PDB file of all heavy atoms in Angstrom:
ATOM      1  N   ILE A   1      10.656   4.802   0.427  1.00  0.00           N
ATOM      2  CA  ILE A   1       9.340   4.207   0.176  1.00  0.00           C
ATOM      3  C   ILE A   1       8.378   4.843   1.169  1.00  0.00           C
ATOM      4  O   ILE A   1       8.567   4.724   2.383  1.00  0.00           O
ATOM      5  CB  ILE A   1       9.390   2.677   0.334  1.00  0.00           C
ATOM      6  CG1 ILE A   1      10.322   2.072  -0.727  1.00  0.00           C
ATOM      7  CG2 ILE A   1       7.994   2.081   0.234  1.00  0.00           C
ATOM      8  CD1 ILE A   1      10.543   0.577  -0.595  1.00  0.00           C
ATOM      9  N   ASP A   2       7.352   5.529   0.665  1.00  0.00           N
ATOM     10  CA  ASP A   2       6.538   6.349   1.561  1.00  0.00           C
ATOM     11  C   ASP A   2       5.594   5.532   2.432  1.00  0.00           C
ATOM     12  O   ASP A   2       5.292   5.919   3.562  1.00  0.00           O
ATOM     13  CB  ASP A   2       5.764   7.418   0.779  1.00  0.00           C
ATOM     14  CG  ASP A   2       4.655   6.850  -0.100  1.00  0.00           C
ATOM     15  OD1 ASP A   2       4.788   5.699  -0.563  1.00  0.00           O
ATOM     16  OD2 ASP A   2       3.659   7.565  -0.347  1.00  0.00           O
ATOM     17  N   ARG A   3       5.111   4.380   1.938  1.00  0.00           N
ATOM     18  CA  ARG A   3       4.208   3.548   2.732  1.00  0.00           C
ATOM     19  C   ARG A   3       4.177   2.135   2.163  1.00  0.00           C
ATOM     20  O   ARG A   3       4.592   1.910   1.030  1.00  0.00           O
ATOM     21  CB  ARG A   3       2.805   4.134   2.760  1.00  0.00           C
ATOM     22  CG  ARG A   3       2.088   4.136   1.422  1.00  0.00           C
ATOM     23  CD  ARG A   3       0.638   4.609   1.564  1.00  0.00           C
ATOM     24  NE  ARG A   3       0.570   6.030   1.898  1.00  0.00           N
ATOM     25  CZ  ARG A   3      -0.500   6.595   2.469  1.00  0.00           C
ATOM     26  NH1 ARG A   3      -1.550   5.868   2.776  1.00  0.00           N
ATOM     27  NH2 ARG A   3      -0.514   7.896   2.703  1.00  0.00           N
ATOM     28  N   ILE A   4       3.715   1.198   2.956  1.00  0.00           N
ATOM     29  CA  ILE A   4       3.547  -0.164   2.461  1.00  0.00           C
ATOM     30  C   ILE A   4       2.555  -0.122   1.296  1.00  0.00           C
ATOM     31  O   ILE A   4       1.450   0.404   1.441  1.00  0.00           O
ATOM     32  CB  ILE A   4       3.033  -1.088   3.576  1.00  0.00           C
ATOM     33  CG1 ILE A   4       4.069  -1.188   4.706  1.00  0.00           C
ATOM     34  CG2 ILE A   4       2.731  -2.479   3.023  1.00  0.00           C
ATOM     35  CD1 ILE A   4       3.564  -1.929   5.937  1.00  0.00           C
ATOM     36  N   PRO A   5       2.929  -0.663   0.143  1.00  0.00           N
ATOM     37  CA  PRO A   5       2.088  -0.500  -1.058  1.00  0.00           C
ATOM     38  C   PRO A   5       0.943  -1.517  -1.149  1.00  0.00           C
ATOM     39  O   PRO A   5       0.871  -2.324  -2.078  1.00  0.00           O
ATOM     40  CB  PRO A   5       3.093  -0.681  -2.196  1.00  0.00           C
ATOM     41  CG  PRO A   5       4.096  -1.642  -1.644  1.00  0.00           C
ATOM     42  CD  PRO A   5       4.239  -1.278  -0.179  1.00  0.00           C
ATOM     43  N   PHE A   6       0.041  -1.465  -0.169  1.00  0.00           N
ATOM     44  CA  PHE A   6      -1.152  -2.289  -0.249  1.00  0.00           C
ATOM     45  C   PHE A   6      -2.011  -1.822  -1.423  1.00  0.00           C
ATOM     46  O   PHE A   6      -1.985  -0.642  -1.784  1.00  0.00           O
ATOM     47  CB  PHE A   6      -1.974  -2.181   1.039  1.00  0.00           C
ATOM     48  CG  PHE A   6      -1.339  -2.816   2.231  1.00  0.00           C
ATOM     49  CD1 PHE A   6      -1.067  -2.074   3.369  1.00  0.00           C
ATOM     50  CD2 PHE A   6      -1.014  -4.166   2.234  1.00  0.00           C
ATOM     51  CE1 PHE A   6      -0.492  -2.650   4.484  1.00  0.00           C
ATOM     52  CE2 PHE A   6      -0.430  -4.757   3.343  1.00  0.00           C
ATOM     53  CZ  PHE A   6      -0.169  -3.998   4.472  1.00  0.00           C
ATOM     54  N   PRO A   7      -2.797  -2.709  -2.023  1.00  0.00           N
ATOM     55  CA  PRO A   7      -3.719  -2.255  -3.070  1.00  0.00           C
ATOM     56  C   PRO A   7      -4.751  -1.300  -2.496  1.00  0.00           C
ATOM     57  O   PRO A   7      -5.079  -1.351  -1.302  1.00  0.00           O
ATOM     58  CB  PRO A   7      -4.373  -3.560  -3.566  1.00  0.00           C
ATOM     59  CG  PRO A   7      -4.172  -4.545  -2.466  1.00  0.00           C
ATOM     60  CD  PRO A   7      -2.888  -4.166  -1.790  1.00  0.00           C
ATOM     61  N   ARG A   8      -5.259  -0.431  -3.336  1.00  0.00           N
ATOM     62  CA  ARG A   8      -6.280   0.527  -2.895  1.00  0.00           C
ATOM     63  C   ARG A   8      -7.514  -0.221  -2.404  1.00  0.00           C
ATOM     64  O   ARG A   8      -7.917  -1.227  -3.005  1.00  0.00           O
ATOM     65  CB  ARG A   8      -6.668   1.435  -4.059  1.00  0.00           C
ATOM     66  CG  ARG A   8      -5.605   2.427  -4.480  1.00  0.00           C
ATOM     67  CD  ARG A   8      -5.962   3.051  -5.817  1.00  0.00           C
ATOM     68  NE  ARG A   8      -7.312   3.600  -5.824  1.00  0.00           N
ATOM     69  CZ  ARG A   8      -7.594   4.890  -5.681  1.00  0.00           C
ATOM     70  NH1 ARG A   8      -6.609   5.761  -5.492  1.00  0.00           N
ATOM     71  NH2 ARG A   8      -8.831   5.318  -5.714  1.00  0.00           N
ATOM     72  N   PRO A   9      -8.129   0.231  -1.330  1.00  0.00           N
ATOM     73  CA  PRO A   9      -9.312  -0.458  -0.826  1.00  0.00           C
ATOM     74  C   PRO A   9     -10.480  -0.462  -1.800  1.00  0.00           C
ATOM     75  O   PRO A   9     -11.367  -1.305  -1.699  1.00  0.00           O
ATOM     76  CB  PRO A   9      -9.660   0.309   0.463  1.00  0.00           C
ATOM     77  CG  PRO A   9      -8.888   1.573   0.410  1.00  0.00           C
ATOM     78  CD  PRO A   9      -7.716   1.351  -0.477  1.00  0.00           C
ATOM     79  N   ASP A  10     -10.472   0.486  -2.765  1.00  0.00           N
ATOM     80  CA  ASP A  10     -11.555   0.524  -3.751  1.00  0.00           C
ATOM     81  C   ASP A  10     -11.177  -0.173  -5.058  1.00  0.00           C
ATOM     82  O   ASP A  10     -11.873  -0.028  -6.070  1.00  0.00           O
ATOM     83  CB  ASP A  10     -11.981   1.966  -4.024  1.00  0.00           C
ATOM     84  CG  ASP A  10     -10.838   2.829  -4.561  1.00  0.00           C
ATOM     85  OD1 ASP A  10      -9.686   2.330  -4.598  1.00  0.00           O
ATOM     86  OD2 ASP A  10     -11.083   3.992  -4.930  1.00  0.00           O
ATOM     87  N   ASP A  11     -10.081  -0.956  -5.054  1.00  0.00           N
ATOM     88  CA  ASP A  11      -9.698  -1.727  -6.231  1.00  0.00           C
ATOM     89  C   ASP A  11     -10.664  -2.905  -6.362  1.00  0.00           C
ATOM     90  O   ASP A  11     -10.644  -3.829  -5.534  1.00  0.00           O
ATOM     91  CB  ASP A  11      -8.258  -2.236  -6.074  1.00  0.00           C
ATOM     92  CG  ASP A  11      -7.757  -3.001  -7.298  1.00  0.00           C
ATOM     93  OD1 ASP A  11      -8.554  -3.752  -7.908  1.00  0.00           O
ATOM     94  OD2 ASP A  11      -6.572  -2.875  -7.635  1.00  0.00           O
ATOM     95  N   PRO A  12     -11.536  -2.909  -7.367  1.00  0.00           N
ATOM     96  CA  PRO A  12     -12.580  -3.944  -7.429  1.00  0.00           C
ATOM     97  C   PRO A  12     -12.031  -5.346  -7.636  1.00  0.00           C
ATOM     98  O   PRO A  12     -12.579  -6.318  -7.103  1.00  0.00           O
ATOM     99  CB  PRO A  12     -13.457  -3.500  -8.606  1.00  0.00           C
ATOM    100  CG  PRO A  12     -12.576  -2.629  -9.440  1.00  0.00           C
ATOM    101  CD  PRO A  12     -11.638  -1.955  -8.496  1.00  0.00           C
ATOM    102  N   VAL A  13     -10.953  -5.479  -8.417  1.00  0.00           N
ATOM    103  CA  VAL A  13     -10.412  -6.815  -8.685  1.00  0.00           C
ATOM    104  C   VAL A  13      -9.768  -7.398  -7.437  1.00  0.00           C
ATOM    105  O   VAL A  13     -10.022  -8.548  -7.049  1.00  0.00           O
ATOM    106  CB  VAL A  13      -9.408  -6.770  -9.856  1.00  0.00           C
ATOM    107  CG1 VAL A  13      -8.757  -8.135 -10.057  1.00  0.00           C
ATOM    108  CG2 VAL A  13     -10.104  -6.336 -11.140  1.00  0.00           C
ATOM    109  N   LYS A  14      -8.906  -6.595  -6.768  1.00  0.00           N
ATOM    110  CA  LYS A  14      -8.254  -7.087  -5.555  1.00  0.00           C
ATOM    111  C   LYS A  14      -9.291  -7.400  -4.468  1.00  0.00           C
ATOM    112  O   LYS A  14      -9.176  -8.389  -3.744  1.00  0.00           O
ATOM    113  CB  LYS A  14      -7.245  -6.050  -5.049  1.00  0.00           C
ATOM    114  CG  LYS A  14      -6.041  -5.847  -5.963  1.00  0.00           C
ATOM    115  CD  LYS A  14      -5.145  -7.072  -5.968  1.00  0.00           C
ATOM    116  CE  LYS A  14      -3.793  -6.803  -6.626  1.00  0.00           C
ATOM    117  NZ  LYS A  14      -3.874  -6.318  -7.994  1.00  0.00           N
ATOM    118  N   SER A  15     -10.305  -6.552  -4.349  1.00  0.00           N
ATOM    119  CA  SER A  15     -11.340  -6.782  -3.341  1.00  0.00           C
ATOM    120  C   SER A  15     -12.101  -8.068  -3.628  1.00  0.00           C
ATOM    121  O   SER A  15     -12.384  -8.864  -2.715  1.00  0.00           O
ATOM    122  CB  SER A  15     -12.306  -5.596  -3.305  1.00  0.00           C
ATOM    123  OG  SER A  15     -11.637  -4.407  -2.928  1.00  0.00           O
ATOM    124  N   ALA A  16     -12.426  -8.296  -4.901  1.00  0.00           N
ATOM    125  CA  ALA A  16     -13.147  -9.520  -5.263  1.00  0.00           C
ATOM    126  C   ALA A  16     -12.282 -10.753  -5.037  1.00  0.00           C
ATOM    127  O   ALA A  16     -12.774 -11.805  -4.598  1.00  0.00           O
ATOM    128  CB  ALA A  16     -13.592  -9.440  -6.729  1.00  0.00           C
ATOM    129  N   ARG A  17     -10.988 -10.645  -5.322  1.00  0.00           N
ATOM    130  CA  ARG A  17     -10.093 -11.787  -5.091  1.00  0.00           C
ATOM    131  C   ARG A  17      -9.999 -12.103  -3.604  1.00  0.00           C
ATOM    132  O   ARG A  17      -9.987 -13.273  -3.207  1.00  0.00           O
ATOM    133  CB  ARG A  17      -8.703 -11.484  -5.660  1.00  0.00           C
ATOM    134  CG  ARG A  17      -8.655 -11.563  -7.182  1.00  0.00           C
ATOM    135  CD  ARG A  17      -7.318 -11.119  -7.761  1.00  0.00           C
ATOM    136  NE  ARG A  17      -7.324 -11.260  -9.205  1.00  0.00           N
ATOM    137  CZ  ARG A  17      -6.450 -10.673 -10.018  1.00  0.00           C
ATOM    138  NH1 ARG A  17      -5.498  -9.891  -9.513  1.00  0.00           N
ATOM    139  NH2 ARG A  17      -6.525 -10.857 -11.332  1.00  0.00           N
ATOM    140  N   ALA A  18      -9.930 -11.061  -2.774  1.00  0.00           N
ATOM    141  CA  ALA A  18      -9.866 -11.290  -1.330  1.00  0.00           C
ATOM    142  C   ALA A  18     -11.141 -11.963  -0.833  1.00  0.00           C
ATOM    143  O   ALA A  18     -11.089 -12.886  -0.010  1.00  0.00           O
ATOM    144  CB  ALA A  18      -9.637  -9.962  -0.601  1.00  0.00           C
ATOM    145  N   ARG A  19     -12.298 -11.527  -1.338  1.00  0.00           N
ATOM    146  CA  ARG A  19     -13.563 -12.150  -0.923  1.00  0.00           C
ATOM    147  C   ARG A  19     -13.629 -13.606  -1.355  1.00  0.00           C
ATOM    148  O   ARG A  19     -14.126 -14.468  -0.624  1.00  0.00           O
ATOM    149  CB  ARG A  19     -14.742 -11.369  -1.508  1.00  0.00           C
ATOM    150  CG  ARG A  19     -14.962 -10.005  -0.862  1.00  0.00           C
ATOM    151  CD  ARG A  19     -16.331  -9.442  -1.207  1.00  0.00           C
ATOM    152  NE  ARG A  19     -16.491  -9.248  -2.637  1.00  0.00           N
ATOM    153  CZ  ARG A  19     -16.187  -8.120  -3.288  1.00  0.00           C
ATOM    154  NH1 ARG A  19     -15.678  -7.081  -2.605  1.00  0.00           N
ATOM    155  NH2 ARG A  19     -16.372  -8.007  -4.584  1.00  0.00           N
ATOM    156  N   ALA A  20     -13.105 -13.903  -2.557  1.00  0.00           N
ATOM    157  CA  ALA A  20     -13.108 -15.287  -3.034  1.00  0.00           C
ATOM    158  C   ALA A  20     -12.219 -16.171  -2.166  1.00  0.00           C
ATOM    159  O   ALA A  20     -12.562 -17.317  -1.861  1.00  0.00           O
ATOM    160  CB  ALA A  20     -12.652 -15.334  -4.500  1.00  0.00           C
ATOM    161  N   VAL A  21     -11.073 -15.653  -1.760  1.00  0.00           N
ATOM    162  CA  VAL A  21     -10.171 -16.410  -0.881  1.00  0.00           C
ATOM    163  C   VAL A  21     -10.849 -16.689   0.454  1.00  0.00           C
ATOM    164  O   VAL A  21     -10.800 -17.807   0.986  1.00  0.00           O
ATOM    165  CB  VAL A  21      -8.848 -15.635  -0.670  1.00  0.00           C
ATOM    166  CG1 VAL A  21      -8.032 -16.251   0.460  1.00  0.00           C
ATOM    167  CG2 VAL A  21      -8.034 -15.615  -1.954  1.00  0.00           C
ATOM    168  N   GLU A  22     -11.504 -15.670   0.996  1.00  0.00           N
ATOM    169  CA  GLU A  22     -12.172 -15.838   2.290  1.00  0.00           C
ATOM    170  C   GLU A  22     -13.342 -16.817   2.196  1.00  0.00           C
ATOM    171  O   GLU A  22     -13.581 -17.602   3.108  1.00  0.00           O
ATOM    172  CB  GLU A  22     -12.647 -14.474   2.796  1.00  0.00           C
ATOM    173  CG  GLU A  22     -11.488 -13.578   3.224  1.00  0.00           C
ATOM    174  CD  GLU A  22     -11.880 -12.120   3.361  1.00  0.00           C
ATOM    175  OE1 GLU A  22     -13.074 -11.807   3.145  1.00  0.00           O
ATOM    176  OE2 GLU A  22     -10.996 -11.303   3.675  1.00  0.00           O
ATOM    177  N   ALA A  23     -14.058 -16.793   1.072  1.00  0.00           N
ATOM    178  CA  ALA A  23     -15.166 -17.726   0.880  1.00  0.00           C
ATOM    179  C   ALA A  23     -14.678 -19.168   0.826  1.00  0.00           C
ATOM    180  O   ALA A  23     -15.409 -20.095   1.182  1.00  0.00           O
ATOM    181  CB  ALA A  23     -15.928 -17.383  -0.400  1.00  0.00           C
ATOM    182  N   ALA A  24     -13.436 -19.346   0.386  1.00  0.00           N
ATOM    183  CA  ALA A  24     -12.851 -20.690   0.331  1.00  0.00           C
ATOM    184  C   ALA A  24     -12.145 -21.064   1.630  1.00  0.00           C
ATOM    185  O   ALA A  24     -11.505 -22.109   1.708  1.00  0.00           O
ATOM    186  CB  ALA A  24     -11.868 -20.778  -0.837  1.00  0.00           C
ATOM    187  N   GLY A  25     -12.256 -20.199   2.655  1.00  0.00           N
ATOM    188  CA  GLY A  25     -11.667 -20.511   3.953  1.00  0.00           C
ATOM    189  C   GLY A  25     -10.269 -19.979   4.171  1.00  0.00           C
ATOM    190  O   GLY A  25      -9.632 -20.291   5.182  1.00  0.00           O
ATOM    191  N   GLY A  26      -9.761 -19.147   3.236  1.00  0.00           N
ATOM    192  CA  GLY A  26      -8.417 -18.601   3.372  1.00  0.00           C
ATOM    193  C   GLY A  26      -8.417 -17.214   3.990  1.00  0.00           C
ATOM    194  O   GLY A  26      -9.458 -16.679   4.382  1.00  0.00           O
ATOM    195  N   ASN A  27      -7.245 -16.638   4.084  1.00  0.00           N
ATOM    196  CA  ASN A  27      -7.064 -15.294   4.627  1.00  0.00           C
ATOM    197  C   ASN A  27      -6.906 -14.325   3.459  1.00  0.00           C
ATOM    198  O   ASN A  27      -5.850 -14.251   2.843  1.00  0.00           O
ATOM    199  CB  ASN A  27      -5.825 -15.258   5.533  1.00  0.00           C
ATOM    200  CG  ASN A  27      -5.650 -13.928   6.237  1.00  0.00           C
ATOM    201  OD1 ASN A  27      -5.890 -12.871   5.664  1.00  0.00           O
ATOM    202  ND2 ASN A  27      -5.228 -13.971   7.492  1.00  0.00           N
ATOM    203  N   GLY A  28      -7.977 -13.598   3.152  1.00  0.00           N
ATOM    204  CA  GLY A  28      -7.953 -12.717   1.996  1.00  0.00           C
ATOM    205  C   GLY A  28      -6.923 -11.618   2.100  1.00  0.00           C
ATOM    206  O   GLY A  28      -6.275 -11.264   1.112  1.00  0.00           O
ATOM    207  N   PHE A  29      -6.733 -11.073   3.305  1.00  0.00           N
ATOM    208  CA  PHE A  29      -5.757 -10.002   3.467  1.00  0.00           C
ATOM    209  C   PHE A  29      -4.339 -10.502   3.177  1.00  0.00           C
ATOM    210  O   PHE A  29      -3.596  -9.894   2.404  1.00  0.00           O
ATOM    211  CB  PHE A  29      -5.816  -9.429   4.876  1.00  0.00           C
ATOM    212  CG  PHE A  29      -4.708  -8.458   5.178  1.00  0.00           C
ATOM    213  CD1 PHE A  29      -4.740  -7.166   4.688  1.00  0.00           C
ATOM    214  CD2 PHE A  29      -3.601  -8.856   5.936  1.00  0.00           C
ATOM    215  CE1 PHE A  29      -3.709  -6.278   4.940  1.00  0.00           C
ATOM    216  CE2 PHE A  29      -2.569  -7.972   6.192  1.00  0.00           C
ATOM    217  CZ  PHE A  29      -2.622  -6.680   5.697  1.00  0.00           C
ATOM    218  N   MET A  30      -3.961 -11.632   3.770  1.00  0.00           N
ATOM    219  CA  MET A  30      -2.599 -12.126   3.599  1.00  0.00           C
ATOM    220  C   MET A  30      -2.355 -12.627   2.177  1.00  0.00           C
ATOM    221  O   MET A  30      -1.305 -12.370   1.585  1.00  0.00           O
ATOM    222  CB  MET A  30      -2.306 -13.229   4.608  1.00  0.00           C
ATOM    223  CG  MET A  30      -2.170 -12.748   6.046  1.00  0.00           C
ATOM    224  SD  MET A  30      -0.874 -11.489   6.277  1.00  0.00           S
ATOM    225  CE  MET A  30       0.592 -12.400   5.796  1.00  0.00           C
ATOM    226  N   GLN A  31      -3.324 -13.352   1.616  1.00  0.00           N
ATOM    227  CA  GLN A  31      -3.107 -13.962   0.302  1.00  0.00           C
ATOM    228  C   GLN A  31      -3.235 -12.972  -0.843  1.00  0.00           C
ATOM    229  O   GLN A  31      -2.699 -13.221  -1.930  1.00  0.00           O
ATOM    230  CB  GLN A  31      -4.075 -15.131   0.091  1.00  0.00           C
ATOM    231  CG  GLN A  31      -3.793 -16.315   1.005  1.00  0.00           C
ATOM    232  CD  GLN A  31      -4.634 -17.534   0.651  1.00  0.00           C
ATOM    233  OE1 GLN A  31      -4.944 -17.780  -0.507  1.00  0.00           O
ATOM    234  NE2 GLN A  31      -5.005 -18.305   1.663  1.00  0.00           N
ATOM    235  N   VAL A  32      -3.920 -11.866  -0.628  1.00  0.00           N
ATOM    236  CA  VAL A  32      -4.087 -10.892  -1.713  1.00  0.00           C
ATOM    237  C   VAL A  32      -3.349  -9.590  -1.395  1.00  0.00           C
ATOM    238  O   VAL A  32      -2.371  -9.233  -2.050  1.00  0.00           O
ATOM    239  CB  VAL A  32      -5.582 -10.623  -1.984  1.00  0.00           C
ATOM    240  CG1 VAL A  32      -5.733  -9.564  -3.090  1.00  0.00           C
ATOM    241  CG2 VAL A  32      -6.283 -11.903  -2.397  1.00  0.00           C
ATOM    242  N   SER A  33      -3.787  -8.868  -0.367  1.00  0.00           N
ATOM    243  CA  SER A  33      -3.217  -7.547  -0.093  1.00  0.00           C
ATOM    244  C   SER A  33      -1.757  -7.620   0.349  1.00  0.00           C
ATOM    245  O   SER A  33      -0.897  -6.907  -0.170  1.00  0.00           O
ATOM    246  CB  SER A  33      -4.057  -6.831   0.970  1.00  0.00           C
ATOM    247  OG  SER A  33      -5.352  -6.578   0.500  1.00  0.00           O
ATOM    248  N   ALA A  34      -1.470  -8.490   1.335  1.00  0.00           N
ATOM    249  CA  ALA A  34      -0.099  -8.570   1.839  1.00  0.00           C
ATOM    250  C   ALA A  34       0.845  -9.137   0.793  1.00  0.00           C
ATOM    251  O   ALA A  34       2.000  -8.698   0.679  1.00  0.00           O
ATOM    252  CB  ALA A  34      -0.061  -9.421   3.115  1.00  0.00           C
ATOM    253  N   THR A  35       0.380 -10.106   0.013  1.00  0.00           N
ATOM    254  CA  THR A  35       1.233 -10.673  -1.039  1.00  0.00           C
ATOM    255  C   THR A  35       1.520  -9.636  -2.122  1.00  0.00           C
ATOM    256  O   THR A  35       2.648  -9.535  -2.620  1.00  0.00           O
ATOM    257  CB  THR A  35       0.561 -11.917  -1.646  1.00  0.00           C
ATOM    258  OG1 THR A  35       0.420 -12.914  -0.627  1.00  0.00           O
ATOM    259  CG2 THR A  35       1.385 -12.482  -2.780  1.00  0.00           C
ATOM    260  N   HIS A  36       0.505  -8.859  -2.484  1.00  0.00           N
ATOM    261  CA  HIS A  36       0.704  -7.768  -3.450  1.00  0.00           C
ATOM    262  C   HIS A  36       1.744  -6.772  -2.926  1.00  0.00           C
ATOM    263  O   HIS A  36       2.668  -6.366  -3.648  1.00  0.00           O
ATOM    264  CB  HIS A  36      -0.641  -7.068  -3.672  1.00  0.00           C
ATOM    265  CG  HIS A  36      -0.570  -5.807  -4.468  1.00  0.00           C
ATOM    266  ND1 HIS A  36      -0.685  -5.776  -5.839  1.00  0.00           N
ATOM    267  CD2 HIS A  36      -0.395  -4.501  -4.079  1.00  0.00           C
ATOM    268  CE1 HIS A  36      -0.591  -4.524  -6.258  1.00  0.00           C
ATOM    269  NE2 HIS A  36      -0.416  -3.735  -5.225  1.00  0.00           N
ATOM    270  N   ALA A  37       1.613  -6.379  -1.664  1.00  0.00           N
ATOM    271  CA  ALA A  37       2.548  -5.425  -1.068  1.00  0.00           C
ATOM    272  C   ALA A  37       3.950  -6.010  -0.980  1.00  0.00           C
ATOM    273  O   ALA A  37       4.948  -5.307  -1.221  1.00  0.00           O
ATOM    274  CB  ALA A  37       2.062  -5.010   0.318  1.00  0.00           C
ATOM    275  N   ALA A  38       4.054  -7.284  -0.627  1.00  0.00           N
ATOM    276  CA  ALA A  38       5.365  -7.921  -0.493  1.00  0.00           C
ATOM    277  C   ALA A  38       6.118  -7.918  -1.821  1.00  0.00           C
ATOM    278  O   ALA A  38       7.327  -7.657  -1.864  1.00  0.00           O
ATOM    279  CB  ALA A  38       5.194  -9.358   0.014  1.00  0.00           C
ATOM    280  N   LEU A  39       5.405  -8.211  -2.899  1.00  0.00           N
ATOM    281  CA  LEU A  39       6.048  -8.226  -4.211  1.00  0.00           C
ATOM    282  C   LEU A  39       6.569  -6.841  -4.578  1.00  0.00           C
ATOM    283  O   LEU A  39       7.716  -6.691  -5.030  1.00  0.00           O
ATOM    284  CB  LEU A  39       5.056  -8.719  -5.265  1.00  0.00           C
ATOM    285  CG  LEU A  39       5.557  -8.726  -6.714  1.00  0.00           C
ATOM    286  CD1 LEU A  39       6.783  -9.615  -6.851  1.00  0.00           C
ATOM    287  CD2 LEU A  39       4.450  -9.189  -7.654  1.00  0.00           C
ATOM    288  N   LEU A  40       5.744  -5.806  -4.373  1.00  0.00           N
ATOM    289  CA  LEU A  40       6.187  -4.455  -4.712  1.00  0.00           C
ATOM    290  C   LEU A  40       7.333  -3.997  -3.819  1.00  0.00           C
ATOM    291  O   LEU A  40       8.268  -3.326  -4.280  1.00  0.00           O
ATOM    292  CB  LEU A  40       5.020  -3.481  -4.611  1.00  0.00           C
ATOM    293  CG  LEU A  40       4.010  -3.521  -5.755  1.00  0.00           C
ATOM    294  CD1 LEU A  40       2.904  -2.512  -5.524  1.00  0.00           C
ATOM    295  CD2 LEU A  40       4.692  -3.258  -7.095  1.00  0.00           C
ATOM    296  N   LEU A  41       7.294  -4.343  -2.531  1.00  0.00           N
ATOM    297  CA  LEU A  41       8.395  -3.975  -1.642  1.00  0.00           C
ATOM    298  C   LEU A  41       9.688  -4.648  -2.076  1.00  0.00           C
ATOM    299  O   LEU A  41      10.764  -4.038  -2.042  1.00  0.00           O
ATOM    300  CB  LEU A  41       8.065  -4.361  -0.200  1.00  0.00           C
ATOM    301  CG  LEU A  41       7.118  -3.432   0.559  1.00  0.00           C
ATOM    302  CD1 LEU A  41       6.736  -4.044   1.893  1.00  0.00           C
ATOM    303  CD2 LEU A  41       7.744  -2.053   0.766  1.00  0.00           C
ATOM    304  N   ALA A  42       9.615  -5.909  -2.468  1.00  0.00           N
ATOM    305  CA  ALA A  42      10.806  -6.617  -2.941  1.00  0.00           C
ATOM    306  C   ALA A  42      11.372  -5.930  -4.176  1.00  0.00           C
ATOM    307  O   ALA A  42      12.592  -5.742  -4.307  1.00  0.00           O
ATOM    308  CB  ALA A  42      10.466  -8.073  -3.247  1.00  0.00           C
ATOM    309  N   GLN A  43      10.488  -5.542  -5.092  1.00  0.00           N
ATOM    310  CA  GLN A  43      10.944  -4.885  -6.316  1.00  0.00           C
ATOM    311  C   GLN A  43      11.472  -3.481  -6.037  1.00  0.00           C
ATOM    312  O   GLN A  43      12.504  -3.076  -6.582  1.00  0.00           O
ATOM    313  CB  GLN A  43       9.794  -4.830  -7.326  1.00  0.00           C
ATOM    314  CG  GLN A  43       9.381  -6.203  -7.826  1.00  0.00           C
ATOM    315  CD  GLN A  43       8.121  -6.162  -8.673  1.00  0.00           C
ATOM    316  OE1 GLN A  43       7.275  -5.291  -8.507  1.00  0.00           O
ATOM    317  NE2 GLN A  43       7.987  -7.117  -9.582  1.00  0.00           N
ATOM    318  N   GLY A  44      10.768  -2.736  -5.176  1.00  0.00           N
ATOM    319  CA  GLY A  44      11.196  -1.382  -4.874  1.00  0.00           C
ATOM    320  C   GLY A  44      12.524  -1.341  -4.139  1.00  0.00           C
ATOM    321  O   GLY A  44      13.436  -0.588  -4.519  1.00  0.00           O
ATOM    322  N   ALA A  45      12.654  -2.153  -3.092  1.00  0.00           N
ATOM    323  CA  ALA A  45      13.906  -2.187  -2.333  1.00  0.00           C
ATOM    324  C   ALA A  45      15.060  -2.686  -3.190  1.00  0.00           C
ATOM    325  O   ALA A  45      16.223  -2.315  -2.971  1.00  0.00           O
ATOM    326  CB  ALA A  45      13.745  -3.070  -1.101  1.00  0.00           C
TER     327      ALA A  45
END
């Protein structure tokens, strides 16, 4: 696995979801980017 599979920073949907989480008081990185990466790592490994 060449790198942690975070979503692309220019992915408009993932970016908008992260902003929505943060607007609601959550952690956009952990709830969107890290969760996305965790799922792909689980599947890849």
